[in-house]
């Protein structure tokens, strides 16, 4: 098997609010169907789906690696649709902050290296 790409399917409790949330974070939405939107930022992308299961959403995690953690933190802090955000933390492998989306999904916003 020669894998060329992997895309995850992110759940949404309120599909329209989740579309706004990911747009606020700098992802560009591309219509796929009434129940599926492809979000892109550079070479990275994922599907947002009109599907919600509380246990799945509350256990869903996505790492988003960025080149500048402070710029990302400022942008994410200004989101009107986030549910929670932590401060930037130093780790042995880099820097990270945690951002919870409107469906309860957890985003690990990460800058690798120090």
PDB file of N, CA and C in Angstrom:
ATOM      1  N   UNK A   1       0.855  -1.177   0.000  1.00  0.00           N
ATOM      2  CA  UNK A   1       0.000   0.000   0.000  1.00  0.00           C
ATOM      3  C   UNK A   1       0.894   1.231   0.000  1.00  0.00           C
ATOM      4  N   UNK A   2       0.637   2.149  -0.905  1.00  0.00           N
ATOM      5  CA  UNK A   2       1.379   3.398  -1.016  1.00  0.00           C
ATOM      6  C   UNK A   2       0.423   4.545  -0.681  1.00  0.00           C
ATOM      7  N   UNK A   3       0.415   4.962   0.582  1.00  0.00           N
ATOM      8  CA  UNK A   3      -0.501   6.008   1.047  1.00  0.00           C
ATOM      9  C   UNK A   3       0.003   7.366   0.563  1.00  0.00           C
ATOM     10  N   UNK A   4      -0.872   8.160  -0.020  1.00  0.00           N
ATOM     11  CA  UNK A   4      -0.481   9.489  -0.487  1.00  0.00           C
ATOM     12  C   UNK A   4      -1.132  10.612   0.307  1.00  0.00           C
ATOM     13  N   UNK A   5      -2.162  10.275   1.111  1.00  0.00           N
ATOM     14  CA  UNK A   5      -2.834  11.311   1.883  1.00  0.00           C
ATOM     15  C   UNK A   5      -3.783  10.649   2.870  1.00  0.00           C
ATOM     16  N   UNK A   6      -3.999  11.293   4.001  1.00  0.00           N
ATOM     17  CA  UNK A   6      -5.000  10.861   4.974  1.00  0.00           C
ATOM     18  C   UNK A   6      -5.784  12.095   5.398  1.00  0.00           C
ATOM     19  N   UNK A   7      -7.093  11.971   5.405  1.00  0.00           N
ATOM     20  CA  UNK A   7      -7.952  13.057   5.878  1.00  0.00           C
ATOM     21  C   UNK A   7      -8.868  12.507   6.961  1.00  0.00           C
ATOM     22  N   UNK A   8      -9.032  13.252   8.023  1.00  0.00           N
ATOM     23  CA  UNK A   8      -9.934  12.853   9.086  1.00  0.00           C
ATOM     24  C   UNK A   8     -11.305  13.488   8.874  1.00  0.00           C
ATOM     25  N   UNK A   9     -12.309  12.921   9.520  1.00  0.00           N
ATOM     26  CA  UNK A   9     -13.671  13.451   9.484  1.00  0.00           C
ATOM     27  C   UNK A   9     -13.997  13.965  10.881  1.00  0.00           C
ATOM     28  N   UNK A  10     -14.142  15.276  11.011  1.00  0.00           N
ATOM     29  CA  UNK A  10     -14.385  15.931  12.288  1.00  0.00           C
ATOM     30  C   UNK A  10     -15.899  16.018  12.522  1.00  0.00           C
ATOM     31  N   UNK A  11     -16.361  15.611  13.703  1.00  0.00           N
ATOM     32  CA  UNK A  11     -17.795  15.702  13.994  1.00  0.00           C
ATOM     33  C   UNK A  11     -18.213  17.135  14.308  1.00  0.00           C
ATOM     34  N   UNK A  12     -19.492  17.424  14.126  1.00  0.00           N
ATOM     35  CA  UNK A  12     -20.025  18.746  14.482  1.00  0.00           C
ATOM     36  C   UNK A  12     -21.366  18.579  15.169  1.00  0.00           C
ATOM     37  N   UNK A  13     -21.532  19.287  16.260  1.00  0.00           N
ATOM     38  CA  UNK A  13     -22.823  19.283  16.976  1.00  0.00           C
ATOM     39  C   UNK A  13     -23.785  20.235  16.275  1.00  0.00           C
ATOM     40  N   UNK A  14     -23.290  21.414  15.936  1.00  0.00           N
ATOM     41  CA  UNK A  14     -24.024  22.405  15.136  1.00  0.00           C
ATOM     42  C   UNK A  14     -23.143  22.684  13.918  1.00  0.00           C
ATOM     43  N   UNK A  15     -23.518  22.110  12.795  1.00  0.00           N
ATOM     44  CA  UNK A  15     -22.702  22.142  11.577  1.00  0.00           C
ATOM     45  C   UNK A  15     -22.329  23.564  11.167  1.00  0.00           C
ATOM     46  N   UNK A  16     -23.283  24.484  11.190  1.00  0.00           N
ATOM     47  CA  UNK A  16     -23.025  25.872  10.761  1.00  0.00           C
ATOM     48  C   UNK A  16     -22.056  26.574  11.716  1.00  0.00           C
ATOM     49  N   UNK A  17     -22.200  26.360  13.008  1.00  0.00           N
ATOM     50  CA  UNK A  17     -21.282  26.967  13.989  1.00  0.00           C
ATOM     51  C   UNK A  17     -19.878  26.397  13.810  1.00  0.00           C
ATOM     52  N   UNK A  18     -19.777  25.102  13.595  1.00  0.00           N
ATOM     53  CA  UNK A  18     -18.460  24.494  13.384  1.00  0.00           C
ATOM     54  C   UNK A  18     -17.799  25.012  12.115  1.00  0.00           C
ATOM     55  N   UNK A  19     -18.586  25.244  11.069  1.00  0.00           N
ATOM     56  CA  UNK A  19     -18.011  25.829   9.846  1.00  0.00           C
ATOM     57  C   UNK A  19     -17.457  27.216  10.136  1.00  0.00           C
ATOM     58  N   UNK A  20     -18.166  28.006  10.919  1.00  0.00           N
ATOM     59  CA  UNK A  20     -17.672  29.334  11.289  1.00  0.00           C
ATOM     60  C   UNK A  20     -16.394  29.230  12.118  1.00  0.00           C
ATOM     61  N   UNK A  21     -16.368  28.303  13.063  1.00  0.00           N
ATOM     62  CA  UNK A  21     -15.207  28.106  13.937  1.00  0.00           C
ATOM     63  C   UNK A  21     -13.951  27.816  13.121  1.00  0.00           C
ATOM     64  N   UNK A  22     -14.016  26.852  12.220  1.00  0.00           N
ATOM     65  CA  UNK A  22     -12.817  26.499  11.456  1.00  0.00           C
ATOM     66  C   UNK A  22     -12.436  27.586  10.455  1.00  0.00           C
ATOM     67  N   UNK A  23     -13.403  28.324   9.974  1.00  0.00           N
ATOM     68  CA  UNK A  23     -13.090  29.478   9.119  1.00  0.00           C
ATOM     69  C   UNK A  23     -12.347  30.549   9.921  1.00  0.00           C
ATOM     70  N   UNK A  24     -12.770  30.779  11.174  1.00  0.00           N
ATOM     71  CA  UNK A  24     -12.083  31.743  12.045  1.00  0.00           C
ATOM     72  C   UNK A  24     -10.626  31.358  12.265  1.00  0.00           C
ATOM     73  N   UNK A  25     -10.342  30.066  12.242  1.00  0.00           N
ATOM     74  CA  UNK A  25      -8.975  29.595  12.476  1.00  0.00           C
ATOM     75  C   UNK A  25      -8.104  29.654  11.229  1.00  0.00           C
ATOM     76  N   UNK A  26      -8.675  30.101  10.116  1.00  0.00           N
ATOM     77  CA  UNK A  26      -7.884  30.264   8.902  1.00  0.00           C
ATOM     78  C   UNK A  26      -8.008  29.142   7.900  1.00  0.00           C
ATOM     79  N   UNK A  27      -8.947  28.222   8.112  1.00  0.00           N
ATOM     80  CA  UNK A  27      -9.183  27.156   7.144  1.00  0.00           C
ATOM     81  C   UNK A  27     -10.203  27.621   6.117  1.00  0.00           C
ATOM     82  N   UNK A  28      -9.973  27.284   4.873  1.00  0.00           N
ATOM     83  CA  UNK A  28     -10.865  27.679   3.780  1.00  0.00           C
ATOM     84  C   UNK A  28     -11.844  26.553   3.477  1.00  0.00           C
ATOM     85  N   UNK A  29     -13.156  26.847   3.571  1.00  0.00           N
ATOM     86  CA  UNK A  29     -14.154  25.803   3.325  1.00  0.00           C
ATOM     87  C   UNK A  29     -14.402  25.587   1.832  1.00  0.00           C
ATOM     88  N   UNK A  30     -14.541  24.312   1.477  1.00  0.00           N
ATOM     89  CA  UNK A  30     -14.902  23.928   0.112  1.00  0.00           C
ATOM     90  C   UNK A  30     -16.123  23.025   0.205  1.00  0.00           C
ATOM     91  N   UNK A  31     -17.216  23.434  -0.407  1.00  0.00           N
ATOM     92  CA  UNK A  31     -18.445  22.645  -0.390  1.00  0.00           C
ATOM     93  C   UNK A  31     -18.201  21.278  -1.020  1.00  0.00           C
ATOM     94  N   UNK A  32     -18.657  20.230  -0.350  1.00  0.00           N
ATOM     95  CA  UNK A  32     -18.614  18.882  -0.905  1.00  0.00           C
ATOM     96  C   UNK A  32     -20.052  18.393  -1.093  1.00  0.00           C
ATOM     97  N   UNK A  33     -20.811  18.343   0.005  1.00  0.00           N
ATOM     98  CA  UNK A  33     -22.243  18.030  -0.030  1.00  0.00           C
ATOM     99  C   UNK A  33     -22.899  18.879   1.051  1.00  0.00           C
ATOM    100  N   UNK A  34     -24.200  18.776   1.180  1.00  0.00           N
ATOM    101  CA  UNK A  34     -24.886  19.514   2.246  1.00  0.00           C
ATOM    102  C   UNK A  34     -24.457  19.058   3.634  1.00  0.00           C
ATOM    103  N   UNK A  35     -23.852  17.886   3.724  1.00  0.00           N
ATOM    104  CA  UNK A  35     -23.463  17.319   5.010  1.00  0.00           C
ATOM    105  C   UNK A  35     -21.958  17.164   5.180  1.00  0.00           C
ATOM    106  N   UNK A  36     -21.182  17.723   4.246  1.00  0.00           N
ATOM    107  CA  UNK A  36     -19.733  17.533   4.285  1.00  0.00           C
ATOM    108  C   UNK A  36     -19.039  18.742   3.670  1.00  0.00           C
ATOM    109  N   UNK A  37     -18.072  19.299   4.406  1.00  0.00           N
ATOM    110  CA  UNK A  37     -17.269  20.418   3.922  1.00  0.00           C
ATOM    111  C   UNK A  37     -15.802  20.052   4.071  1.00  0.00           C
ATOM    112  N   UNK A  38     -15.034  20.304   3.032  1.00  0.00           N
ATOM    113  CA  UNK A  38     -13.592  20.110   3.085  1.00  0.00           C
ATOM    114  C   UNK A  38     -12.972  21.434   3.512  1.00  0.00           C
ATOM    115  N   UNK A  39     -12.159  21.402   4.561  1.00  0.00           N
ATOM    116  CA  UNK A  39     -11.459  22.594   5.022  1.00  0.00           C
ATOM    117  C   UNK A  39      -9.985  22.443   4.693  1.00  0.00           C
ATOM    118  N   UNK A  40      -9.404  23.496   4.095  1.00  0.00           N
ATOM    119  CA  UNK A  40      -8.008  23.465   3.661  1.00  0.00           C
ATOM    120  C   UNK A  40      -7.240  24.661   4.226  1.00  0.00           C
ATOM    121  N   UNK A  41      -5.982  24.415   4.525  1.00  0.00           N
ATOM    122  CA  UNK A  41      -5.039  25.468   4.894  1.00  0.00           C
ATOM    123  C   UNK A  41      -3.682  24.982   4.413  1.00  0.00           C
ATOM    124  N   UNK A  42      -3.170  25.594   3.372  1.00  0.00           N
ATOM    125  CA  UNK A  42      -1.927  25.110   2.770  1.00  0.00           C
ATOM    126  C   UNK A  42      -2.135  23.714   2.210  1.00  0.00           C
ATOM    127  N   UNK A  43      -1.244  22.810   2.554  1.00  0.00           N
ATOM    128  CA  UNK A  43      -1.347  21.428   2.093  1.00  0.00           C
ATOM    129  C   UNK A  43      -2.142  20.549   3.050  1.00  0.00           C
ATOM    130  N   UNK A  44      -2.654  21.122   4.133  1.00  0.00           N
ATOM    131  CA  UNK A  44      -3.383  20.347   5.134  1.00  0.00           C
ATOM    132  C   UNK A  44      -4.882  20.517   4.958  1.00  0.00           C
ATOM    133  N   UNK A  45      -5.607  19.417   5.148  1.00  0.00           N
ATOM    134  CA  UNK A  45      -7.059  19.504   5.017  1.00  0.00           C
ATOM    135  C   UNK A  45      -7.752  18.406   5.816  1.00  0.00           C
ATOM    136  N   UNK A  46      -9.022  18.615   6.087  1.00  0.00           N
ATOM    137  CA  UNK A  46      -9.860  17.645   6.791  1.00  0.00           C
ATOM    138  C   UNK A  46     -11.302  17.876   6.362  1.00  0.00           C
ATOM    139  N   UNK A  47     -12.140  16.889   6.623  1.00  0.00           N
ATOM    140  CA  UNK A  47     -13.571  17.014   6.361  1.00  0.00           C
ATOM    141  C   UNK A  47     -14.297  17.347   7.651  1.00  0.00           C
ATOM    142  N   UNK A  48     -15.211  18.296   7.580  1.00  0.00           N
ATOM    143  CA  UNK A  48     -16.164  18.542   8.663  1.00  0.00           C
ATOM    144  C   UNK A  48     -17.457  17.874   8.235  1.00  0.00           C
ATOM    145  N   UNK A  49     -18.004  17.046   9.114  1.00  0.00           N
ATOM    146  CA  UNK A  49     -19.213  16.319   8.763  1.00  0.00           C
ATOM    147  C   UNK A  49     -20.398  16.744   9.626  1.00  0.00           C
ATOM    148  N   UNK A  50     -21.561  16.683   9.048  1.00  0.00           N
ATOM    149  CA  UNK A  50     -22.793  16.956   9.785  1.00  0.00           C
ATOM    150  C   UNK A  50     -23.164  15.646  10.494  1.00  0.00           C
ATOM    151  N   UNK A  51     -22.427  15.376  11.545  1.00  0.00           N
ATOM    152  CA  UNK A  51     -22.612  14.162  12.325  1.00  0.00           C
ATOM    153  C   UNK A  51     -22.144  14.447  13.730  1.00  0.00           C
ATOM    154  N   UNK A  52     -22.928  14.006  14.715  1.00  0.00           N
ATOM    155  CA  UNK A  52     -22.542  14.224  16.105  1.00  0.00           C
ATOM    156  C   UNK A  52     -22.900  13.000  16.931  1.00  0.00           C
ATOM    157  N   UNK A  53     -21.932  12.543  17.651  1.00  0.00           N
ATOM    158  CA  UNK A  53     -22.111  11.525  18.682  1.00  0.00           C
ATOM    159  C   UNK A  53     -21.284  12.026  19.852  1.00  0.00           C
ATOM    160  N   UNK A  54     -21.931  12.288  20.974  1.00  0.00           N
ATOM    161  CA  UNK A  54     -21.277  12.962  22.090  1.00  0.00           C
ATOM    162  C   UNK A  54     -19.983  12.270  22.535  1.00  0.00           C
ATOM    163  N   UNK A  55     -20.010  10.965  22.683  1.00  0.00           N
ATOM    164  CA  UNK A  55     -18.813  10.255  23.141  1.00  0.00           C
ATOM    165  C   UNK A  55     -17.670  10.388  22.138  1.00  0.00           C
ATOM    166  N   UNK A  56     -17.980  10.284  20.855  1.00  0.00           N
ATOM    167  CA  UNK A  56     -16.955  10.472  19.830  1.00  0.00           C
ATOM    168  C   UNK A  56     -16.399  11.891  19.876  1.00  0.00           C
ATOM    169  N   UNK A  57     -17.277  12.884  19.867  1.00  0.00           N
ATOM    170  CA  UNK A  57     -16.837  14.282  19.831  1.00  0.00           C
ATOM    171  C   UNK A  57     -15.980  14.632  21.042  1.00  0.00           C
ATOM    172  N   UNK A  58     -16.364  14.140  22.219  1.00  0.00           N
ATOM    173  CA  UNK A  58     -15.623  14.464  23.439  1.00  0.00           C
ATOM    174  C   UNK A  58     -14.303  13.718  23.557  1.00  0.00           C
ATOM    175  N   UNK A  59     -14.073  12.759  22.669  1.00  0.00           N
ATOM    176  CA  UNK A  59     -12.812  12.022  22.651  1.00  0.00           C
ATOM    177  C   UNK A  59     -12.014  12.276  21.375  1.00  0.00           C
ATOM    178  N   UNK A  60     -12.522  13.148  20.521  1.00  0.00           N
ATOM    179  CA  UNK A  60     -11.866  13.425  19.246  1.00  0.00           C
ATOM    180  C   UNK A  60     -10.753  14.440  19.461  1.00  0.00           C
ATOM    181  N   UNK A  61      -9.542  14.103  18.991  1.00  0.00           N
ATOM    182  CA  UNK A  61      -8.402  15.014  19.097  1.00  0.00           C
ATOM    183  C   UNK A  61      -7.725  15.139  17.745  1.00  0.00           C
ATOM    184  N   UNK A  62      -7.243  16.334  17.485  1.00  0.00           N
ATOM    185  CA  UNK A  62      -6.570  16.623  16.228  1.00  0.00           C
ATOM    186  C   UNK A  62      -5.357  17.490  16.538  1.00  0.00           C
ATOM    187  N   UNK A  63      -4.173  17.057  16.099  1.00  0.00           N
ATOM    188  CA  UNK A  63      -2.983  17.882  16.260  1.00  0.00           C
ATOM    189  C   UNK A  63      -2.832  18.741  15.014  1.00  0.00           C
ATOM    190  N   UNK A  64      -2.671  20.038  15.231  1.00  0.00           N
ATOM    191  CA  UNK A  64      -2.438  20.975  14.142  1.00  0.00           C
ATOM    192  C   UNK A  64      -1.067  21.604  14.387  1.00  0.00           C
ATOM    193  N   UNK A  65      -0.115  21.263  13.547  1.00  0.00           N
ATOM    194  CA  UNK A  65       1.246  21.789  13.686  1.00  0.00           C
ATOM    195  C   UNK A  65       1.352  23.117  12.948  1.00  0.00           C
ATOM    196  N   UNK A  66       1.896  24.113  13.626  1.00  0.00           N
ATOM    197  CA  UNK A  66       2.017  25.461  13.071  1.00  0.00           C
ATOM    198  C   UNK A  66       3.470  25.913  13.127  1.00  0.00           C
ATOM    199  N   UNK A  67       3.793  26.925  12.326  1.00  0.00           N
ATOM    200  CA  UNK A  67       5.157  27.445  12.314  1.00  0.00           C
ATOM    201  C   UNK A  67       5.383  28.513  13.378  1.00  0.00           C
ATOM    202  N   UNK A  68       4.305  29.160  13.851  1.00  0.00           N
ATOM    203  CA  UNK A  68       4.433  30.241  14.832  1.00  0.00           C
ATOM    204  C   UNK A  68       3.315  30.109  15.856  1.00  0.00           C
ATOM    205  N   UNK A  69       3.640  29.557  17.009  1.00  0.00           N
ATOM    206  CA  UNK A  69       2.641  29.271  18.048  1.00  0.00           C
ATOM    207  C   UNK A  69       1.986  30.544  18.591  1.00  0.00           C
ATOM    208  N   UNK A  70       2.733  31.637  18.701  1.00  0.00           N
ATOM    209  CA  UNK A  70       2.160  32.863  19.261  1.00  0.00           C
ATOM    210  C   UNK A  70       1.144  33.494  18.309  1.00  0.00           C
ATOM    211  N   UNK A  71       1.420  33.460  17.018  1.00  0.00           N
ATOM    212  CA  UNK A  71       0.464  33.955  16.034  1.00  0.00           C
ATOM    213  C   UNK A  71      -0.794  33.082  16.050  1.00  0.00           C
ATOM    214  N   UNK A  72      -0.602  31.779  16.125  1.00  0.00           N
ATOM    215  CA  UNK A  72      -1.740  30.855  16.176  1.00  0.00           C
ATOM    216  C   UNK A  72      -2.567  31.080  17.439  1.00  0.00           C
ATOM    217  N   UNK A  73      -1.893  31.294  18.564  1.00  0.00           N
ATOM    218  CA  UNK A  73      -2.605  31.524  19.822  1.00  0.00           C
ATOM    219  C   UNK A  73      -3.450  32.789  19.754  1.00  0.00           C
ATOM    220  N   UNK A  74      -2.885  33.840  19.201  1.00  0.00           N
ATOM    221  CA  UNK A  74      -3.632  35.102  19.070  1.00  0.00           C
ATOM    222  C   UNK A  74      -4.868  34.900  18.207  1.00  0.00           C
ATOM    223  N   UNK A  75      -4.717  34.228  17.081  1.00  0.00           N
ATOM    224  CA  UNK A  75      -5.845  33.968  16.184  1.00  0.00           C
ATOM    225  C   UNK A  75      -6.904  33.116  16.879  1.00  0.00           C
ATOM    226  N   UNK A  76      -6.487  32.024  17.500  1.00  0.00           N
ATOM    227  CA  UNK A  76      -7.439  31.116  18.140  1.00  0.00           C
ATOM    228  C   UNK A  76      -8.123  31.758  19.344  1.00  0.00           C
ATOM    229  N   UNK A  77      -7.403  32.598  20.066  1.00  0.00           N
ATOM    230  CA  UNK A  77      -7.990  33.293  21.216  1.00  0.00           C
ATOM    231  C   UNK A  77      -9.143  34.190  20.806  1.00  0.00           C
ATOM    232  N   UNK A  78      -9.073  34.718  19.590  1.00  0.00           N
ATOM    233  CA  UNK A  78     -10.112  35.642  19.133  1.00  0.00           C
ATOM    234  C   UNK A  78     -11.342  34.922  18.563  1.00  0.00           C
ATOM    235  N   UNK A  79     -11.299  33.598  18.471  1.00  0.00           N
ATOM    236  CA  UNK A  79     -12.441  32.852  17.940  1.00  0.00           C
ATOM    237  C   UNK A  79     -13.679  33.054  18.814  1.00  0.00           C
ATOM    238  N   UNK A  80     -14.785  33.378  18.188  1.00  0.00           N
ATOM    239  CA  UNK A  80     -16.049  33.563  18.906  1.00  0.00           C
ATOM    240  C   UNK A  80     -16.740  32.236  19.185  1.00  0.00           C
ATOM    241  N   UNK A  81     -16.268  31.156  18.560  1.00  0.00           N
ATOM    242  CA  UNK A  81     -16.981  29.886  18.645  1.00  0.00           C
ATOM    243  C   UNK A  81     -16.202  28.784  19.367  1.00  0.00           C
ATOM    244  N   UNK A  82     -15.048  29.132  19.951  1.00  0.00           N
ATOM    245  CA  UNK A  82     -14.309  28.158  20.753  1.00  0.00           C
ATOM    246  C   UNK A  82     -15.069  27.945  22.058  1.00  0.00           C
ATOM    247  N   UNK A  83     -14.817  26.811  22.700  1.00  0.00           N
ATOM    248  CA  UNK A  83     -15.440  26.595  24.005  1.00  0.00           C
ATOM    249  C   UNK A  83     -14.441  26.745  25.146  1.00  0.00           C
ATOM    250  N   UNK A  84     -13.144  26.530  24.851  1.00  0.00           N
ATOM    251  CA  UNK A  84     -12.110  26.664  25.881  1.00  0.00           C
ATOM    252  C   UNK A  84     -10.753  26.727  25.193  1.00  0.00           C
ATOM    253  N   UNK A  85      -9.809  27.434  25.827  1.00  0.00           N
ATOM    254  CA  UNK A  85      -8.438  27.507  25.319  1.00  0.00           C
ATOM    255  C   UNK A  85      -7.493  27.596  26.513  1.00  0.00           C
ATOM    256  N   UNK A  86      -6.347  26.932  26.420  1.00  0.00           N
ATOM    257  CA  UNK A  86      -5.328  27.029  27.468  1.00  0.00           C
ATOM    258  C   UNK A  86      -4.267  28.031  27.040  1.00  0.00           C
ATOM    259  N   UNK A  87      -3.366  28.335  27.939  1.00  0.00           N
ATOM    260  CA  UNK A  87      -2.214  29.163  27.584  1.00  0.00           C
ATOM    261  C   UNK A  87      -1.194  28.283  26.849  1.00  0.00           C
ATOM    262  N   UNK A  88      -0.222  28.929  26.240  1.00  0.00           N
ATOM    263  CA  UNK A  88       0.860  28.212  25.557  1.00  0.00           C
ATOM    264  C   UNK A  88       1.762  27.580  26.621  1.00  0.00           C
ATOM    265  N   UNK A  89       2.084  26.320  26.405  1.00  0.00           N
ATOM    266  CA  UNK A  89       2.923  25.579  27.345  1.00  0.00           C
ATOM    267  C   UNK A  89       4.198  25.109  26.643  1.00  0.00           C
ATOM    268  N   UNK A  90       5.313  25.186  27.358  1.00  0.00           N
ATOM    269  CA  UNK A  90       6.579  24.652  26.857  1.00  0.00           C
ATOM    270  C   UNK A  90       6.652  23.170  27.200  1.00  0.00           C
ATOM    271  N   UNK A  91       7.012  22.371  26.227  1.00  0.00           N
ATOM    272  CA  UNK A  91       7.208  20.936  26.402  1.00  0.00           C
ATOM    273  C   UNK A  91       8.610  20.589  25.897  1.00  0.00           C
ATOM    274  N   UNK A  92       9.150  19.446  26.267  1.00  0.00           N
ATOM    275  CA  UNK A  92      10.491  19.072  25.792  1.00  0.00           C
ATOM    276  C   UNK A  92      10.583  19.005  24.264  1.00  0.00           C
ATOM    277  N   UNK A  93       9.481  18.744  23.593  1.00  0.00           N
ATOM    278  CA  UNK A  93       9.458  18.585  22.143  1.00  0.00           C
ATOM    279  C   UNK A  93       9.013  19.846  21.402  1.00  0.00           C
ATOM    280  N   UNK A  94       8.617  20.923  22.140  1.00  0.00           N
ATOM    281  CA  UNK A  94       8.167  22.145  21.486  1.00  0.00           C
ATOM    282  C   UNK A  94       7.207  22.922  22.366  1.00  0.00           C
ATOM    283  N   UNK A  95       6.232  23.560  21.729  1.00  0.00           N
ATOM    284  CA  UNK A  95       5.230  24.361  22.438  1.00  0.00           C
ATOM    285  C   UNK A  95       3.847  23.898  21.998  1.00  0.00           C
ATOM    286  N   UNK A  96       2.857  24.052  22.891  1.00  0.00           N
ATOM    287  CA  UNK A  96       1.503  23.606  22.585  1.00  0.00           C
ATOM    288  C   UNK A  96       0.495  24.417  23.384  1.00  0.00           C
ATOM    289  N   UNK A  97      -0.670  24.612  22.808  1.00  0.00           N
ATOM    290  CA  UNK A  97      -1.837  25.030  23.583  1.00  0.00           C
ATOM    291  C   UNK A  97      -3.003  24.189  23.105  1.00  0.00           C
ATOM    292  N   UNK A  98      -4.014  24.120  23.953  1.00  0.00           N
ATOM    293  CA  UNK A  98      -5.166  23.264  23.664  1.00  0.00           C
ATOM    294  C   UNK A  98      -6.393  24.133  23.443  1.00  0.00           C
ATOM    295  N   UNK A  99      -7.129  23.768  22.409  1.00  0.00           N
ATOM    296  CA  UNK A  99      -8.302  24.535  21.988  1.00  0.00           C
ATOM    297  C   UNK A  99      -9.455  23.566  21.790  1.00  0.00           C
ATOM    298  N   UNK A 100     -10.576  23.834  22.461  1.00  0.00           N
ATOM    299  CA  UNK A 100     -11.759  22.997  22.304  1.00  0.00           C
ATOM    300  C   UNK A 100     -12.738  23.673  21.358  1.00  0.00           C
ATOM    301  N   UNK A 101     -13.196  22.909  20.392  1.00  0.00           N
ATOM    302  CA  UNK A 101     -14.147  23.412  19.412  1.00  0.00           C
ATOM    303  C   UNK A 101     -15.586  23.284  19.887  1.00  0.00           C
ATOM    304  N   UNK A 102     -16.525  23.739  19.076  1.00  0.00           N
ATOM    305  CA  UNK A 102     -17.925  23.806  19.474  1.00  0.00           C
ATOM    306  C   UNK A 102     -18.604  22.457  19.693  1.00  0.00           C
ATOM    307  N   UNK A 103     -18.049  21.373  19.167  1.00  0.00           N
ATOM    308  CA  UNK A 103     -18.643  20.047  19.380  1.00  0.00           C
ATOM    309  C   UNK A 103     -17.982  19.309  20.536  1.00  0.00           C
ATOM    310  N   UNK A 104     -16.964  19.927  21.161  1.00  0.00           N
ATOM    311  CA  UNK A 104     -16.226  19.286  22.237  1.00  0.00           C
ATOM    312  C   UNK A 104     -14.917  18.674  21.780  1.00  0.00           C
ATOM    313  N   UNK A 105     -14.616  18.784  20.477  1.00  0.00           N
ATOM    314  CA  UNK A 105     -13.358  18.245  19.943  1.00  0.00           C
ATOM    315  C   UNK A 105     -12.181  19.037  20.493  1.00  0.00           C
ATOM    316  N   UNK A 106     -11.062  18.351  20.668  1.00  0.00           N
ATOM    317  CA  UNK A 106      -9.865  18.964  21.241  1.00  0.00           C
ATOM    318  C   UNK A 106      -8.790  19.092  20.170  1.00  0.00           C
ATOM    319  N   UNK A 107      -8.325  20.310  19.960  1.00  0.00           N
ATOM    320  CA  UNK A 107      -7.262  20.585  19.010  1.00  0.00           C
ATOM    321  C   UNK A 107      -5.961  20.849  19.777  1.00  0.00           C
ATOM    322  N   UNK A 108      -4.929  20.122  19.418  1.00  0.00           N
ATOM    323  CA  UNK A 108      -3.590  20.343  19.980  1.00  0.00           C
ATOM    324  C   UNK A 108      -2.871  21.239  18.979  1.00  0.00           C
ATOM    325  N   UNK A 109      -2.768  22.516  19.279  1.00  0.00           N
ATOM    326  CA  UNK A 109      -2.070  23.446  18.387  1.00  0.00           C
ATOM    327  C   UNK A 109      -0.602  23.417  18.828  1.00  0.00           C
ATOM    328  N   UNK A 110       0.265  22.977  17.917  1.00  0.00           N
ATOM    329  CA  UNK A 110       1.626  22.594  18.266  1.00  0.00           C
ATOM    330  C   UNK A 110       2.661  23.265  17.372  1.00  0.00           C
ATOM    331  N   UNK A 111       3.722  23.730  17.989  1.00  0.00           N
ATOM    332  CA  UNK A 111       4.921  24.146  17.265  1.00  0.00           C
ATOM    333  C   UNK A 111       6.038  23.213  17.723  1.00  0.00           C
ATOM    334  N   UNK A 112       6.510  22.376  16.824  1.00  0.00           N
ATOM    335  CA  UNK A 112       7.549  21.413  17.157  1.00  0.00           C
ATOM    336  C   UNK A 112       8.906  22.111  17.253  1.00  0.00           C
ATOM    337  N   UNK A 113       9.778  21.621  18.110  1.00  0.00           N
ATOM    338  CA  UNK A 113      11.092  22.239  18.324  1.00  0.00           C
ATOM    339  C   UNK A 113      10.968  23.418  19.269  1.00  0.00           C
ATOM    340  N   UNK A 114      12.074  23.942  19.696  1.00  0.00           N
ATOM    341  CA  UNK A 114      12.022  25.099  20.623  1.00  0.00           C
ATOM    342  C   UNK A 114      12.634  26.312  20.054  1.00  0.00           C
TER     343      UNK A 114
END
